[in-house]
């Protein structure tokens, strides 16, 4: 495994074994080519197409003076109805990751504490329920209810946050992330969370009515986000 990692990674792992990378850190989910092709044929299907980039970071191979370029996933292109709406960086995908990746296996999430220190949770198995408010205006008001499991990976001190405090702070941070990331993407005409596809599949009559009047995304408004973080158990490493 060490030789494989040094001699053929990161190109090998990121390009040809993306599922293995995703199992270790569920940042950007790989997709099959067929899914991308199918999305182009449907009227409202949205996919997140991973972007693989060359970085300036280097690594040493077999203790020799070899420094091949690193390859890493840096974000996604949002493909909606066969068109590329734009690029979104990995660090701006927390909400999309939780809402769209039902098979998120593990993702490290930092919770800031005093003096610039962080506690770390491992997020896994998100479950999202989206609902649409009754049609009372020209806006499509969306509510998002998200539940995600977590384990405690690291705390900074023995007298640090309790699990309850970590759950509460994580919920607050994630709610803000979801709202901000959706609105930032919307300002760029990017449907990052795939809300139009959700409307097409679950509220088709409303989708037809609104799409007949022009683009739907400007009419979509996230009215409320409710996040529930449940710490199941701890694999805690205490530092500091």
C-alpha atoms as a PDB file:
ATOM      1  CA  UNK A   1       0.000   0.000   0.000  1.00  0.00           C
ATOM      2  CA  UNK A   2       2.854   2.369   0.792  1.00  0.00           C
ATOM      3  CA  UNK A   3       4.474   1.780  -2.590  1.00  0.00           C
ATOM      4  CA  UNK A   4       1.149   2.237  -4.357  1.00  0.00           C
ATOM      5  CA  UNK A   5       0.489   5.452  -2.520  1.00  0.00           C
ATOM      6  CA  UNK A   6       3.923   6.920  -3.174  1.00  0.00           C
ATOM      7  CA  UNK A   7       4.513   5.661  -6.686  1.00  0.00           C
ATOM      8  CA  UNK A   8       1.055   6.091  -8.187  1.00  0.00           C
ATOM      9  CA  UNK A   9      -0.791   8.507  -5.935  1.00  0.00           C
ATOM     10  CA  UNK A  10      -2.245  11.057  -5.840  1.00  0.00           C
ATOM     11  CA  UNK A  11      -3.030  10.696  -9.562  1.00  0.00           C
ATOM     12  CA  UNK A  12      -3.925   7.032  -9.108  1.00  0.00           C
ATOM     13  CA  UNK A  13      -6.067   7.518  -6.031  1.00  0.00           C
ATOM     14  CA  UNK A  14      -7.871  10.647  -7.169  1.00  0.00           C
ATOM     15  CA  UNK A  15      -8.489   9.703 -10.805  1.00  0.00           C
ATOM     16  CA  UNK A  16      -8.727   5.929 -10.912  1.00  0.00           C
ATOM     17  CA  UNK A  17      -9.725   5.028  -7.360  1.00  0.00           C
ATOM     18  CA  UNK A  18     -11.919   7.973  -6.308  1.00  0.00           C
ATOM     19  CA  UNK A  19     -14.175   5.790  -4.167  1.00  0.00           C
ATOM     20  CA  UNK A  20     -11.225   4.834  -1.964  1.00  0.00           C
ATOM     21  CA  UNK A  21     -10.379   8.493  -1.446  1.00  0.00           C
ATOM     22  CA  UNK A  22     -14.022   9.258  -0.691  1.00  0.00           C
ATOM     23  CA  UNK A  23     -14.165   6.528   1.956  1.00  0.00           C
ATOM     24  CA  UNK A  24     -11.321   8.182   3.835  1.00  0.00           C
ATOM     25  CA  UNK A  25     -12.610  11.753   3.539  1.00  0.00           C
ATOM     26  CA  UNK A  26     -16.052  12.305   2.064  1.00  0.00           C
ATOM     27  CA  UNK A  27     -15.401  15.744   0.639  1.00  0.00           C
ATOM     28  CA  UNK A  28     -16.494  15.347  -2.991  1.00  0.00           C
ATOM     29  CA  UNK A  29     -18.461  12.328  -4.141  1.00  0.00           C
ATOM     30  CA  UNK A  30     -17.290  10.702  -7.400  1.00  0.00           C
ATOM     31  CA  UNK A  31     -19.912  10.142 -10.094  1.00  0.00           C
ATOM     32  CA  UNK A  32     -20.178   7.691 -12.954  1.00  0.00           C
ATOM     33  CA  UNK A  33     -20.083   8.963 -16.525  1.00  0.00           C
ATOM     34  CA  UNK A  34     -23.484   7.399 -17.191  1.00  0.00           C
ATOM     35  CA  UNK A  35     -25.058   9.524 -14.469  1.00  0.00           C
ATOM     36  CA  UNK A  36     -23.642  12.658 -16.073  1.00  0.00           C
ATOM     37  CA  UNK A  37     -24.955  11.601 -19.490  1.00  0.00           C
ATOM     38  CA  UNK A  38     -28.394  10.806 -18.077  1.00  0.00           C
ATOM     39  CA  UNK A  39     -28.558  14.191 -16.368  1.00  0.00           C
ATOM     40  CA  UNK A  40     -28.184  15.947 -19.710  1.00  0.00           C
ATOM     41  CA  UNK A  41     -31.260  14.168 -21.067  1.00  0.00           C
ATOM     42  CA  UNK A  42     -33.618  15.128 -18.248  1.00  0.00           C
ATOM     43  CA  UNK A  43     -35.271  18.547 -17.970  1.00  0.00           C
ATOM     44  CA  UNK A  44     -34.180  19.482 -14.448  1.00  0.00           C
ATOM     45  CA  UNK A  45     -31.490  17.077 -13.277  1.00  0.00           C
ATOM     46  CA  UNK A  46     -28.474  18.561 -11.519  1.00  0.00           C
ATOM     47  CA  UNK A  47     -25.129  16.879 -10.796  1.00  0.00           C
ATOM     48  CA  UNK A  48     -21.959  17.951  -9.026  1.00  0.00           C
ATOM     49  CA  UNK A  49     -19.053  17.129 -11.332  1.00  0.00           C
ATOM     50  CA  UNK A  50     -15.766  16.753  -9.397  1.00  0.00           C
ATOM     51  CA  UNK A  51     -12.866  18.964 -10.482  1.00  0.00           C
ATOM     52  CA  UNK A  52      -9.353  17.522 -10.313  1.00  0.00           C
ATOM     53  CA  UNK A  53      -6.522  20.067 -10.286  1.00  0.00           C
ATOM     54  CA  UNK A  54      -2.731  20.069 -10.178  1.00  0.00           C
ATOM     55  CA  UNK A  55      -1.368  21.775  -7.080  1.00  0.00           C
ATOM     56  CA  UNK A  56       2.031  23.214  -6.209  1.00  0.00           C
ATOM     57  CA  UNK A  57       2.407  20.903  -3.217  1.00  0.00           C
ATOM     58  CA  UNK A  58       5.145  18.282  -3.527  1.00  0.00           C
ATOM     59  CA  UNK A  59       5.957  14.937  -1.988  1.00  0.00           C
ATOM     60  CA  UNK A  60       9.093  12.816  -1.820  1.00  0.00           C
ATOM     61  CA  UNK A  61       9.070   9.431  -3.537  1.00  0.00           C
ATOM     62  CA  UNK A  62      11.180   6.598  -2.106  1.00  0.00           C
ATOM     63  CA  UNK A  63      13.400   9.098  -0.275  1.00  0.00           C
ATOM     64  CA  UNK A  64      14.796  10.302  -3.602  1.00  0.00           C
ATOM     65  CA  UNK A  65      14.880  13.810  -4.908  1.00  0.00           C
ATOM     66  CA  UNK A  66      11.688  13.450  -6.898  1.00  0.00           C
ATOM     67  CA  UNK A  67       8.895  15.934  -6.490  1.00  0.00           C
ATOM     68  CA  UNK A  68       6.026  15.160  -8.879  1.00  0.00           C
ATOM     69  CA  UNK A  69       3.053  17.506  -8.818  1.00  0.00           C
ATOM     70  CA  UNK A  70       0.132  16.674  -6.582  1.00  0.00           C
ATOM     71  CA  UNK A  71      -3.370  16.090  -7.920  1.00  0.00           C
ATOM     72  CA  UNK A  72      -6.344  16.838  -5.720  1.00  0.00           C
ATOM     73  CA  UNK A  73     -10.064  17.451  -5.837  1.00  0.00           C
ATOM     74  CA  UNK A  74     -10.594  21.184  -5.476  1.00  0.00           C
ATOM     75  CA  UNK A  75     -14.322  21.602  -6.027  1.00  0.00           C
ATOM     76  CA  UNK A  76     -17.158  20.847  -8.423  1.00  0.00           C
ATOM     77  CA  UNK A  77     -18.776  22.110 -11.565  1.00  0.00           C
ATOM     78  CA  UNK A  78     -22.539  22.326 -11.099  1.00  0.00           C
ATOM     79  CA  UNK A  79     -24.128  20.798 -14.194  1.00  0.00           C
ATOM     80  CA  UNK A  80     -27.810  21.661 -14.474  1.00  0.00           C
ATOM     81  CA  UNK A  81     -29.940  20.612 -17.447  1.00  0.00           C
ATOM     82  CA  UNK A  82     -26.783  19.822 -19.383  1.00  0.00           C
ATOM     83  CA  UNK A  83     -25.223  23.253 -18.857  1.00  0.00           C
ATOM     84  CA  UNK A  84     -22.286  24.177 -16.653  1.00  0.00           C
ATOM     85  CA  UNK A  85     -23.596  26.773 -14.204  1.00  0.00           C
ATOM     86  CA  UNK A  86     -20.190  27.369 -12.651  1.00  0.00           C
ATOM     87  CA  UNK A  87     -17.465  26.188 -10.298  1.00  0.00           C
ATOM     88  CA  UNK A  88     -17.774  25.922  -6.512  1.00  0.00           C
ATOM     89  CA  UNK A  89     -14.718  25.418  -4.298  1.00  0.00           C
ATOM     90  CA  UNK A  90     -14.604  22.505  -1.859  1.00  0.00           C
ATOM     91  CA  UNK A  91     -14.531  24.854   1.131  1.00  0.00           C
ATOM     92  CA  UNK A  92     -17.862  26.346  -0.021  1.00  0.00           C
ATOM     93  CA  UNK A  93     -19.601  22.967  -0.272  1.00  0.00           C
ATOM     94  CA  UNK A  94     -20.455  22.083   3.326  1.00  0.00           C
ATOM     95  CA  UNK A  95     -24.173  22.543   2.792  1.00  0.00           C
ATOM     96  CA  UNK A  96     -24.212  20.785  -0.570  1.00  0.00           C
ATOM     97  CA  UNK A  97     -22.220  17.904   0.895  1.00  0.00           C
ATOM     98  CA  UNK A  98     -24.729  17.351   3.689  1.00  0.00           C
ATOM     99  CA  UNK A  99     -27.837  17.878   1.583  1.00  0.00           C
ATOM    100  CA  UNK A 100     -26.837  16.048  -1.597  1.00  0.00           C
ATOM    101  CA  UNK A 101     -24.453  13.293  -0.465  1.00  0.00           C
ATOM    102  CA  UNK A 102     -26.667  10.703   1.222  1.00  0.00           C
ATOM    103  CA  UNK A 103     -23.708   8.293   1.468  1.00  0.00           C
ATOM    104  CA  UNK A 104     -21.289  10.663   3.179  1.00  0.00           C
ATOM    105  CA  UNK A 105     -19.068   8.273   5.131  1.00  0.00           C
ATOM    106  CA  UNK A 106     -16.845  10.603   7.130  1.00  0.00           C
ATOM    107  CA  UNK A 107     -15.940  14.252   6.995  1.00  0.00           C
ATOM    108  CA  UNK A 108     -13.896  16.126   9.638  1.00  0.00           C
ATOM    109  CA  UNK A 109     -15.583  19.248  10.975  1.00  0.00           C
ATOM    110  CA  UNK A 110     -13.860  21.750  13.260  1.00  0.00           C
ATOM    111  CA  UNK A 111     -15.624  23.543  16.095  1.00  0.00           C
ATOM    112  CA  UNK A 112     -13.712  26.595  17.342  1.00  0.00           C
ATOM    113  CA  UNK A 113     -13.141  27.020  21.061  1.00  0.00           C
ATOM    114  CA  UNK A 114     -11.377  29.663  23.111  1.00  0.00           C
ATOM    115  CA  UNK A 115      -7.901  30.919  22.238  1.00  0.00           C
ATOM    116  CA  UNK A 116      -8.199  29.835  18.624  1.00  0.00           C
ATOM    117  CA  UNK A 117      -8.284  26.118  19.451  1.00  0.00           C
ATOM    118  CA  UNK A 118     -10.553  23.648  17.692  1.00  0.00           C
ATOM    119  CA  UNK A 119     -12.481  20.514  18.557  1.00  0.00           C
ATOM    120  CA  UNK A 120     -13.036  18.065  15.716  1.00  0.00           C
ATOM    121  CA  UNK A 121     -16.123  16.037  14.891  1.00  0.00           C
ATOM    122  CA  UNK A 122     -16.420  13.335  12.277  1.00  0.00           C
ATOM    123  CA  UNK A 123     -19.706  13.880  10.396  1.00  0.00           C
ATOM    124  CA  UNK A 124     -21.413  10.908   8.778  1.00  0.00           C
ATOM    125  CA  UNK A 125     -24.741   9.683   7.395  1.00  0.00           C
ATOM    126  CA  UNK A 126     -26.677  12.922   6.810  1.00  0.00           C
ATOM    127  CA  UNK A 127     -30.422  12.715   6.244  1.00  0.00           C
ATOM    128  CA  UNK A 128     -32.243  15.648   4.684  1.00  0.00           C
ATOM    129  CA  UNK A 129     -35.935  16.415   4.404  1.00  0.00           C
ATOM    130  CA  UNK A 130     -36.928  19.330   2.182  1.00  0.00           C
ATOM    131  CA  UNK A 131     -40.389  20.861   2.204  1.00  0.00           C
ATOM    132  CA  UNK A 132     -42.151  23.563   0.211  1.00  0.00           C
ATOM    133  CA  UNK A 133     -44.388  26.172   1.809  1.00  0.00           C
ATOM    134  CA  UNK A 134     -47.892  26.555   0.341  1.00  0.00           C
ATOM    135  CA  UNK A 135     -47.965  28.761  -2.730  1.00  0.00           C
ATOM    136  CA  UNK A 136     -48.735  32.189  -1.294  1.00  0.00           C
ATOM    137  CA  UNK A 137     -46.520  34.421  -3.425  1.00  0.00           C
ATOM    138  CA  UNK A 138     -44.223  34.503  -6.405  1.00  0.00           C
ATOM    139  CA  UNK A 139     -41.460  32.994  -4.280  1.00  0.00           C
ATOM    140  CA  UNK A 140     -40.779  29.324  -3.701  1.00  0.00           C
ATOM    141  CA  UNK A 141     -40.119  29.161   0.032  1.00  0.00           C
ATOM    142  CA  UNK A 142     -38.072  26.099   0.961  1.00  0.00           C
ATOM    143  CA  UNK A 143     -37.513  24.579   4.397  1.00  0.00           C
ATOM    144  CA  UNK A 144     -34.600  22.228   5.063  1.00  0.00           C
ATOM    145  CA  UNK A 145     -34.453  19.785   7.966  1.00  0.00           C
ATOM    146  CA  UNK A 146     -31.088  18.073   8.310  1.00  0.00           C
ATOM    147  CA  UNK A 147     -29.990  15.363  10.725  1.00  0.00           C
ATOM    148  CA  UNK A 148     -26.365  14.238  10.769  1.00  0.00           C
ATOM    149  CA  UNK A 149     -24.524  11.797  13.009  1.00  0.00           C
ATOM    150  CA  UNK A 150     -21.119  12.572  14.472  1.00  0.00           C
ATOM    151  CA  UNK A 151     -18.289  11.167  16.524  1.00  0.00           C
ATOM    152  CA  UNK A 152     -15.800  13.212  18.523  1.00  0.00           C
ATOM    153  CA  UNK A 153     -12.345  12.821  17.016  1.00  0.00           C
ATOM    154  CA  UNK A 154     -10.407  15.385  19.021  1.00  0.00           C
ATOM    155  CA  UNK A 155     -10.865  17.771  21.923  1.00  0.00           C
ATOM    156  CA  UNK A 156      -8.286  20.335  22.917  1.00  0.00           C
ATOM    157  CA  UNK A 157      -8.466  20.044  26.700  1.00  0.00           C
ATOM    158  CA  UNK A 158     -10.047  17.791  29.290  1.00  0.00           C
ATOM    159  CA  UNK A 159     -12.022  20.776  30.560  1.00  0.00           C
ATOM    160  CA  UNK A 160     -13.226  21.662  27.068  1.00  0.00           C
ATOM    161  CA  UNK A 161     -16.706  21.559  25.574  1.00  0.00           C
ATOM    162  CA  UNK A 162     -19.233  18.952  26.578  1.00  0.00           C
ATOM    163  CA  UNK A 163     -20.776  16.821  23.842  1.00  0.00           C
ATOM    164  CA  UNK A 164     -24.001  18.813  24.186  1.00  0.00           C
ATOM    165  CA  UNK A 165     -22.125  22.090  23.683  1.00  0.00           C
ATOM    166  CA  UNK A 166     -20.370  20.668  20.625  1.00  0.00           C
ATOM    167  CA  UNK A 167     -23.702  19.545  19.164  1.00  0.00           C
ATOM    168  CA  UNK A 168     -25.242  22.981  19.726  1.00  0.00           C
ATOM    169  CA  UNK A 169     -22.325  24.891  18.241  1.00  0.00           C
ATOM    170  CA  UNK A 170     -22.027  22.536  15.273  1.00  0.00           C
ATOM    171  CA  UNK A 171     -25.730  22.994  14.557  1.00  0.00           C
ATOM    172  CA  UNK A 172     -25.382  26.775  14.623  1.00  0.00           C
ATOM    173  CA  UNK A 173     -22.330  26.773  12.333  1.00  0.00           C
ATOM    174  CA  UNK A 174     -23.871  24.356   9.830  1.00  0.00           C
ATOM    175  CA  UNK A 175     -27.116  26.327   9.645  1.00  0.00           C
ATOM    176  CA  UNK A 176     -25.191  29.501   8.828  1.00  0.00           C
ATOM    177  CA  UNK A 177     -23.038  27.634   6.289  1.00  0.00           C
ATOM    178  CA  UNK A 178     -26.084  26.240   4.490  1.00  0.00           C
ATOM    179  CA  UNK A 179     -27.820  29.609   4.221  1.00  0.00           C
ATOM    180  CA  UNK A 180     -24.684  31.460   3.139  1.00  0.00           C
ATOM    181  CA  UNK A 181     -23.544  28.884   0.596  1.00  0.00           C
ATOM    182  CA  UNK A 182     -26.946  28.654  -1.057  1.00  0.00           C
ATOM    183  CA  UNK A 183     -27.304  32.430  -1.344  1.00  0.00           C
ATOM    184  CA  UNK A 184     -23.713  32.959  -2.511  1.00  0.00           C
ATOM    185  CA  UNK A 185     -24.200  30.353  -5.246  1.00  0.00           C
ATOM    186  CA  UNK A 186     -27.621  31.753  -6.150  1.00  0.00           C
ATOM    187  CA  UNK A 187     -26.051  35.190  -6.660  1.00  0.00           C
ATOM    188  CA  UNK A 188     -23.873  33.502  -9.322  1.00  0.00           C
ATOM    189  CA  UNK A 189     -26.914  31.750 -10.876  1.00  0.00           C
ATOM    190  CA  UNK A 190     -25.756  28.381  -9.515  1.00  0.00           C
ATOM    191  CA  UNK A 191     -28.304  25.946  -8.052  1.00  0.00           C
ATOM    192  CA  UNK A 192     -25.784  24.342  -5.702  1.00  0.00           C
ATOM    193  CA  UNK A 193     -28.288  22.307  -3.691  1.00  0.00           C
ATOM    194  CA  UNK A 194     -30.237  21.017  -6.715  1.00  0.00           C
ATOM    195  CA  UNK A 195     -33.491  22.564  -5.484  1.00  0.00           C
ATOM    196  CA  UNK A 196     -34.985  22.804  -8.975  1.00  0.00           C
ATOM    197  CA  UNK A 197     -34.488  19.071  -9.480  1.00  0.00           C
ATOM    198  CA  UNK A 198     -36.169  18.439  -6.123  1.00  0.00           C
ATOM    199  CA  UNK A 199     -39.139  20.570  -7.230  1.00  0.00           C
ATOM    200  CA  UNK A 200     -39.285  18.733 -10.556  1.00  0.00           C
ATOM    201  CA  UNK A 201     -39.418  15.341  -8.842  1.00  0.00           C
ATOM    202  CA  UNK A 202     -41.581  16.144  -5.803  1.00  0.00           C
ATOM    203  CA  UNK A 203     -43.729  19.127  -6.830  1.00  0.00           C
ATOM    204  CA  UNK A 204     -43.976  18.729 -10.576  1.00  0.00           C
ATOM    205  CA  UNK A 205     -47.107  20.848 -11.002  1.00  0.00           C
ATOM    206  CA  UNK A 206     -45.478  23.761  -9.198  1.00  0.00           C
ATOM    207  CA  UNK A 207     -42.285  23.244 -11.185  1.00  0.00           C
ATOM    208  CA  UNK A 208     -44.210  23.378 -14.490  1.00  0.00           C
ATOM    209  CA  UNK A 209     -46.080  26.499 -13.435  1.00  0.00           C
ATOM    210  CA  UNK A 210     -42.976  28.394 -12.382  1.00  0.00           C
ATOM    211  CA  UNK A 211     -40.698  27.240 -15.195  1.00  0.00           C
ATOM    212  CA  UNK A 212     -43.235  28.525 -17.727  1.00  0.00           C
ATOM    213  CA  UNK A 213     -42.561  32.025 -16.372  1.00  0.00           C
ATOM    214  CA  UNK A 214     -38.800  31.903 -16.763  1.00  0.00           C
ATOM    215  CA  UNK A 215     -35.813  30.725 -14.712  1.00  0.00           C
ATOM    216  CA  UNK A 216     -36.785  29.168 -11.386  1.00  0.00           C
ATOM    217  CA  UNK A 217     -33.643  29.772  -9.316  1.00  0.00           C
ATOM    218  CA  UNK A 218     -34.247  33.518  -8.731  1.00  0.00           C
ATOM    219  CA  UNK A 219     -37.648  32.619  -7.247  1.00  0.00           C
ATOM    220  CA  UNK A 220     -36.249  30.065  -4.770  1.00  0.00           C
ATOM    221  CA  UNK A 221     -35.816  31.232  -1.197  1.00  0.00           C
ATOM    222  CA  UNK A 222     -34.587  29.119   1.712  1.00  0.00           C
ATOM    223  CA  UNK A 223     -36.956  30.227   4.443  1.00  0.00           C
ATOM    224  CA  UNK A 224     -35.699  28.072   7.286  1.00  0.00           C
ATOM    225  CA  UNK A 225     -32.946  25.572   8.062  1.00  0.00           C
ATOM    226  CA  UNK A 226     -33.122  23.214  11.018  1.00  0.00           C
ATOM    227  CA  UNK A 227     -29.983  21.186  11.786  1.00  0.00           C
ATOM    228  CA  UNK A 228     -29.719  18.349  14.305  1.00  0.00           C
ATOM    229  CA  UNK A 229     -26.245  16.996  15.092  1.00  0.00           C
ATOM    230  CA  UNK A 230     -26.236  13.762  17.088  1.00  0.00           C
ATOM    231  CA  UNK A 231     -22.959  12.655  18.672  1.00  0.00           C
ATOM    232  CA  UNK A 232     -23.137   8.864  18.793  1.00  0.00           C
ATOM    233  CA  UNK A 233     -19.859   8.067  20.505  1.00  0.00           C
ATOM    234  CA  UNK A 234     -16.350   9.403  20.942  1.00  0.00           C
ATOM    235  CA  UNK A 235     -12.987   8.279  19.635  1.00  0.00           C
ATOM    236  CA  UNK A 236     -11.427  11.159  21.463  1.00  0.00           C
ATOM    237  CA  UNK A 237      -7.813  12.232  21.331  1.00  0.00           C
ATOM    238  CA  UNK A 238      -7.161  14.979  23.882  1.00  0.00           C
ATOM    239  CA  UNK A 239      -4.502  17.570  23.112  1.00  0.00           C
ATOM    240  CA  UNK A 240      -3.394  20.721  24.859  1.00  0.00           C
END
